[in-house]
């Protein structure tokens, strides 16, 4: 929410590159305080998670393993949105 507010109300003297750097910093901080608290995961846990995800993808038999986006091609390629995903969709006004 803060990032959206800053994007709309950015100070006039804040250059676009400074705005991008600030957004990247905030996203990095968000990622670091996410599911794994920025720490390491044991190899056994990482392999188990990967195998579970692969098994879920195999068992879906053409169905989504995550939440549908409403975009069929994207859902087919990604299997839907997964709880561990951080997806940033962005666009500029008037770009279609």
N, C-alpha and C. Protein backbone atom coordinates (compact mmCIF):
# COMPACT_ATOMS: atom_id res chain seq x y z
N UNK A 1 0.83 -1.18 0.00
CA UNK A 1 0.00 0.00 0.00
C UNK A 1 0.87 1.25 0.00
N UNK A 2 1.94 1.21 0.80
CA UNK A 2 2.85 2.36 0.83
C UNK A 2 3.46 2.62 -0.54
N UNK A 3 3.82 1.55 -1.25
CA UNK A 3 4.44 1.72 -2.56
C UNK A 3 3.48 2.39 -3.54
N UNK A 4 2.21 2.02 -3.49
CA UNK A 4 1.22 2.63 -4.38
C UNK A 4 1.05 4.10 -4.03
N UNK A 5 0.96 4.40 -2.75
CA UNK A 5 0.81 5.80 -2.33
C UNK A 5 2.01 6.64 -2.75
N UNK A 6 3.20 6.09 -2.60
CA UNK A 6 4.41 6.82 -3.01
C UNK A 6 4.42 7.03 -4.52
N UNK A 7 3.97 6.02 -5.28
CA UNK A 7 3.94 6.15 -6.73
C UNK A 7 3.01 7.29 -7.16
N UNK A 8 1.88 7.42 -6.48
CA UNK A 8 0.93 8.48 -6.83
C UNK A 8 1.37 9.84 -6.31
N UNK A 9 1.98 9.87 -5.14
CA UNK A 9 2.31 11.13 -4.48
C UNK A 9 3.82 11.36 -4.39
N UNK A 10 4.57 10.87 -5.37
CA UNK A 10 6.03 11.00 -5.32
C UNK A 10 6.42 12.48 -5.35
N UNK A 11 7.40 12.83 -4.55
CA UNK A 11 7.88 14.22 -4.58
C UNK A 11 8.39 14.57 -5.98
N UNK A 12 8.19 15.81 -6.37
CA UNK A 12 8.58 16.25 -7.70
C UNK A 12 10.08 16.09 -7.92
N UNK A 13 10.87 16.26 -6.87
CA UNK A 13 12.32 16.18 -7.02
C UNK A 13 12.85 14.75 -6.96
N UNK A 14 11.97 13.75 -6.82
CA UNK A 14 12.40 12.35 -6.79
C UNK A 14 12.44 11.82 -8.22
N UNK A 15 13.63 11.48 -8.68
CA UNK A 15 13.78 11.02 -10.06
C UNK A 15 13.16 9.63 -10.25
N UNK A 16 12.79 9.28 -11.49
CA UNK A 16 12.24 7.95 -11.74
C UNK A 16 13.16 6.82 -11.27
N UNK A 17 14.47 6.99 -11.47
CA UNK A 17 15.39 5.93 -11.03
C UNK A 17 15.40 5.80 -9.51
N UNK A 18 15.26 6.93 -8.80
CA UNK A 18 15.17 6.87 -7.33
C UNK A 18 13.88 6.18 -6.89
N UNK A 19 12.79 6.43 -7.62
CA UNK A 19 11.52 5.77 -7.31
C UNK A 19 11.63 4.26 -7.51
N UNK A 20 12.29 3.86 -8.60
CA UNK A 20 12.48 2.43 -8.88
C UNK A 20 13.35 1.79 -7.80
N UNK A 21 14.44 2.45 -7.44
CA UNK A 21 15.32 1.92 -6.39
C UNK A 21 14.58 1.78 -5.07
N UNK A 22 13.74 2.75 -4.74
CA UNK A 22 12.97 2.68 -3.50
C UNK A 22 11.99 1.51 -3.55
N UNK A 23 11.32 1.32 -4.69
CA UNK A 23 10.39 0.20 -4.83
C UNK A 23 11.12 -1.13 -4.73
N UNK A 24 12.29 -1.24 -5.38
CA UNK A 24 13.07 -2.48 -5.30
C UNK A 24 13.50 -2.77 -3.86
N UNK A 25 13.92 -1.73 -3.15
CA UNK A 25 14.33 -1.90 -1.76
C UNK A 25 13.17 -2.40 -0.91
N UNK A 26 11.99 -1.82 -1.11
CA UNK A 26 10.82 -2.24 -0.35
C UNK A 26 10.42 -3.68 -0.68
N UNK A 27 10.47 -4.05 -1.97
CA UNK A 27 10.14 -5.42 -2.35
C UNK A 27 11.15 -6.41 -1.77
N UNK A 28 12.44 -6.03 -1.78
CA UNK A 28 13.46 -6.90 -1.21
C UNK A 28 13.22 -7.10 0.29
N UNK A 29 12.89 -6.01 0.99
CA UNK A 29 12.60 -6.12 2.43
C UNK A 29 11.39 -7.02 2.66
N UNK A 30 10.38 -6.90 1.81
CA UNK A 30 9.20 -7.75 1.93
C UNK A 30 9.56 -9.21 1.71
N UNK A 31 10.40 -9.47 0.71
CA UNK A 31 10.82 -10.85 0.43
C UNK A 31 11.65 -11.42 1.58
N UNK A 32 12.48 -10.59 2.18
CA UNK A 32 13.34 -11.05 3.27
C UNK A 32 12.56 -11.39 4.54
N UNK A 33 11.41 -10.77 4.73
CA UNK A 33 10.62 -11.05 5.92
C UNK A 33 9.46 -11.98 5.61
N UNK A 34 9.56 -12.70 4.51
CA UNK A 34 8.48 -13.59 4.06
C UNK A 34 8.47 -14.91 4.77
N UNK A 35 8.08 -15.93 4.06
CA UNK A 35 7.81 -17.25 4.61
C UNK A 35 8.99 -17.84 5.37
N UNK A 36 10.19 -17.63 4.89
CA UNK A 36 11.36 -18.25 5.51
C UNK A 36 12.12 -17.29 6.41
N UNK A 37 11.56 -16.14 6.66
CA UNK A 37 12.18 -15.14 7.53
C UNK A 37 13.60 -14.81 7.11
N UNK A 38 13.90 -14.91 5.82
CA UNK A 38 15.20 -14.54 5.31
C UNK A 38 16.31 -15.50 5.68
N UNK A 39 15.98 -16.63 6.30
CA UNK A 39 17.00 -17.59 6.72
C UNK A 39 17.19 -18.69 5.70
N UNK A 40 17.97 -19.68 6.09
CA UNK A 40 18.25 -20.81 5.22
C UNK A 40 17.30 -21.96 5.53
N UNK A 41 17.17 -22.83 4.56
CA UNK A 41 16.35 -24.02 4.71
C UNK A 41 17.27 -25.22 4.51
N UNK A 42 17.06 -26.27 5.28
CA UNK A 42 17.91 -27.44 5.13
C UNK A 42 17.68 -28.08 3.76
N UNK A 43 18.68 -28.81 3.28
CA UNK A 43 18.58 -29.46 1.99
C UNK A 43 17.41 -30.44 1.97
N UNK A 44 17.25 -31.21 3.05
CA UNK A 44 16.15 -32.18 3.12
C UNK A 44 14.80 -31.49 3.00
N UNK A 45 14.62 -30.37 3.70
CA UNK A 45 13.36 -29.64 3.63
C UNK A 45 13.13 -29.06 2.23
N UNK A 46 14.20 -28.54 1.61
CA UNK A 46 14.07 -27.98 0.27
C UNK A 46 13.70 -29.05 -0.74
N UNK A 47 14.32 -30.23 -0.64
CA UNK A 47 14.00 -31.33 -1.56
C UNK A 47 12.57 -31.79 -1.34
N UNK A 48 12.15 -31.90 -0.09
CA UNK A 48 10.77 -32.32 0.20
C UNK A 48 9.77 -31.34 -0.40
N UNK A 49 10.03 -30.05 -0.23
CA UNK A 49 9.15 -29.02 -0.80
C UNK A 49 9.10 -29.12 -2.32
N UNK A 50 10.27 -29.30 -2.95
CA UNK A 50 10.32 -29.41 -4.41
C UNK A 50 9.59 -30.64 -4.90
N UNK A 51 9.77 -31.77 -4.23
CA UNK A 51 9.09 -33.01 -4.62
C UNK A 51 7.59 -32.87 -4.44
N UNK A 52 7.16 -32.26 -3.35
CA UNK A 52 5.73 -32.05 -3.12
C UNK A 52 5.12 -31.16 -4.21
N UNK A 53 5.84 -30.11 -4.59
CA UNK A 53 5.35 -29.22 -5.65
C UNK A 53 5.29 -29.95 -6.99
N UNK A 54 6.32 -30.74 -7.30
CA UNK A 54 6.32 -31.50 -8.55
C UNK A 54 5.19 -32.52 -8.56
N UNK A 55 4.97 -33.18 -7.43
CA UNK A 55 3.89 -34.16 -7.33
C UNK A 55 2.53 -33.49 -7.51
N UNK A 56 2.34 -32.33 -6.91
CA UNK A 56 1.08 -31.60 -7.07
C UNK A 56 0.86 -31.21 -8.52
N UNK A 57 1.93 -30.79 -9.20
CA UNK A 57 1.81 -30.43 -10.62
C UNK A 57 1.48 -31.65 -11.46
N UNK A 58 2.09 -32.80 -11.16
CA UNK A 58 1.82 -34.03 -11.90
C UNK A 58 0.39 -34.51 -11.68
N UNK A 59 -0.08 -34.42 -10.45
CA UNK A 59 -1.40 -34.93 -10.09
C UNK A 59 -2.54 -34.03 -10.57
N UNK A 60 -2.25 -32.81 -10.95
CA UNK A 60 -3.34 -31.92 -11.34
C UNK A 60 -3.95 -32.28 -12.68
N UNK A 61 -3.24 -33.07 -13.50
CA UNK A 61 -3.77 -33.60 -14.76
C UNK A 61 -4.49 -32.51 -15.57
N UNK A 62 -3.80 -31.42 -15.78
CA UNK A 62 -4.38 -30.33 -16.56
C UNK A 62 -5.15 -29.32 -15.74
N UNK A 63 -5.35 -29.60 -14.46
CA UNK A 63 -6.05 -28.67 -13.58
C UNK A 63 -5.03 -27.80 -12.85
N UNK A 64 -5.50 -26.72 -12.28
CA UNK A 64 -4.61 -25.80 -11.58
C UNK A 64 -4.25 -26.33 -10.21
N UNK A 65 -3.00 -26.08 -9.81
CA UNK A 65 -2.59 -26.43 -8.45
C UNK A 65 -2.66 -25.21 -7.54
N UNK A 66 -2.88 -24.04 -8.13
CA UNK A 66 -2.97 -22.80 -7.36
C UNK A 66 -4.27 -22.08 -7.65
N UNK A 67 -4.27 -20.78 -7.43
CA UNK A 67 -5.44 -19.94 -7.64
C UNK A 67 -5.44 -19.46 -9.08
N UNK A 68 -6.58 -19.56 -9.75
CA UNK A 68 -6.70 -19.13 -11.15
C UNK A 68 -6.53 -17.62 -11.26
N UNK A 69 -5.84 -17.20 -12.33
CA UNK A 69 -5.68 -15.78 -12.60
C UNK A 69 -6.80 -15.25 -13.48
N UNK A 70 -7.47 -16.16 -14.18
CA UNK A 70 -8.47 -15.74 -15.16
C UNK A 70 -7.87 -15.59 -16.55
N UNK A 71 -6.56 -15.71 -16.65
CA UNK A 71 -5.86 -15.67 -17.94
C UNK A 71 -5.45 -17.10 -18.28
N UNK A 72 -6.17 -17.73 -19.21
CA UNK A 72 -5.99 -19.16 -19.47
C UNK A 72 -4.55 -19.54 -19.84
N UNK A 73 -3.93 -18.77 -20.72
CA UNK A 73 -2.56 -19.11 -21.13
C UNK A 73 -1.59 -19.02 -19.95
N UNK A 74 -1.74 -18.01 -19.13
CA UNK A 74 -0.89 -17.86 -17.96
C UNK A 74 -1.13 -18.99 -16.96
N UNK A 75 -2.39 -19.33 -16.72
CA UNK A 75 -2.72 -20.43 -15.81
C UNK A 75 -2.15 -21.75 -16.32
N UNK A 76 -2.24 -21.99 -17.62
CA UNK A 76 -1.74 -23.24 -18.19
C UNK A 76 -0.23 -23.36 -17.99
N UNK A 77 0.48 -22.26 -18.12
CA UNK A 77 1.94 -22.30 -17.99
C UNK A 77 2.41 -22.32 -16.54
N UNK A 78 1.67 -21.64 -15.66
CA UNK A 78 2.11 -21.51 -14.27
C UNK A 78 1.37 -22.43 -13.31
N UNK A 79 0.25 -23.00 -13.74
CA UNK A 79 -0.54 -23.83 -12.84
C UNK A 79 -1.32 -23.01 -11.83
N UNK A 80 -1.48 -21.73 -12.10
CA UNK A 80 -2.17 -20.83 -11.17
C UNK A 80 -1.17 -20.14 -10.26
N UNK A 81 -1.67 -19.27 -9.43
CA UNK A 81 -0.82 -18.55 -8.48
C UNK A 81 -0.57 -19.42 -7.26
N UNK A 82 0.69 -19.56 -6.89
CA UNK A 82 1.08 -20.41 -5.77
C UNK A 82 1.32 -19.56 -4.53
N UNK A 83 1.10 -20.11 -3.33
CA UNK A 83 1.27 -19.34 -2.10
C UNK A 83 2.68 -18.77 -1.93
N UNK A 84 3.68 -19.41 -2.50
CA UNK A 84 5.06 -18.95 -2.31
C UNK A 84 5.49 -17.92 -3.33
N UNK A 85 4.63 -17.60 -4.31
CA UNK A 85 4.99 -16.69 -5.38
C UNK A 85 4.84 -15.23 -4.97
N UNK A 86 5.79 -14.42 -5.39
CA UNK A 86 5.66 -12.97 -5.32
C UNK A 86 5.63 -12.51 -6.77
N UNK A 87 4.48 -12.10 -7.23
CA UNK A 87 4.31 -11.72 -8.63
C UNK A 87 3.96 -10.24 -8.67
N UNK A 88 4.72 -9.50 -9.46
CA UNK A 88 4.48 -8.08 -9.62
C UNK A 88 4.01 -7.85 -11.04
N UNK A 89 2.78 -7.39 -11.19
CA UNK A 89 2.24 -7.04 -12.49
C UNK A 89 2.24 -5.52 -12.58
N UNK A 90 2.77 -5.01 -13.65
CA UNK A 90 2.85 -3.56 -13.78
C UNK A 90 2.56 -3.16 -15.21
N UNK A 91 2.09 -1.98 -15.37
CA UNK A 91 1.82 -1.45 -16.69
C UNK A 91 1.74 0.06 -16.62
N UNK A 92 1.81 0.66 -17.79
CA UNK A 92 1.72 2.10 -17.86
C UNK A 92 0.37 2.48 -18.45
N UNK A 93 -0.19 3.59 -18.04
CA UNK A 93 -1.46 4.03 -18.60
C UNK A 93 -1.37 4.20 -20.11
N UNK A 94 -2.39 3.74 -20.79
CA UNK A 94 -2.45 3.90 -22.24
C UNK A 94 -1.62 2.90 -23.02
N UNK A 95 -1.07 1.88 -22.37
CA UNK A 95 -0.22 0.90 -23.06
C UNK A 95 -1.00 -0.35 -23.46
N UNK A 96 -2.30 -0.37 -23.25
CA UNK A 96 -3.10 -1.52 -23.67
C UNK A 96 -3.32 -2.41 -22.59
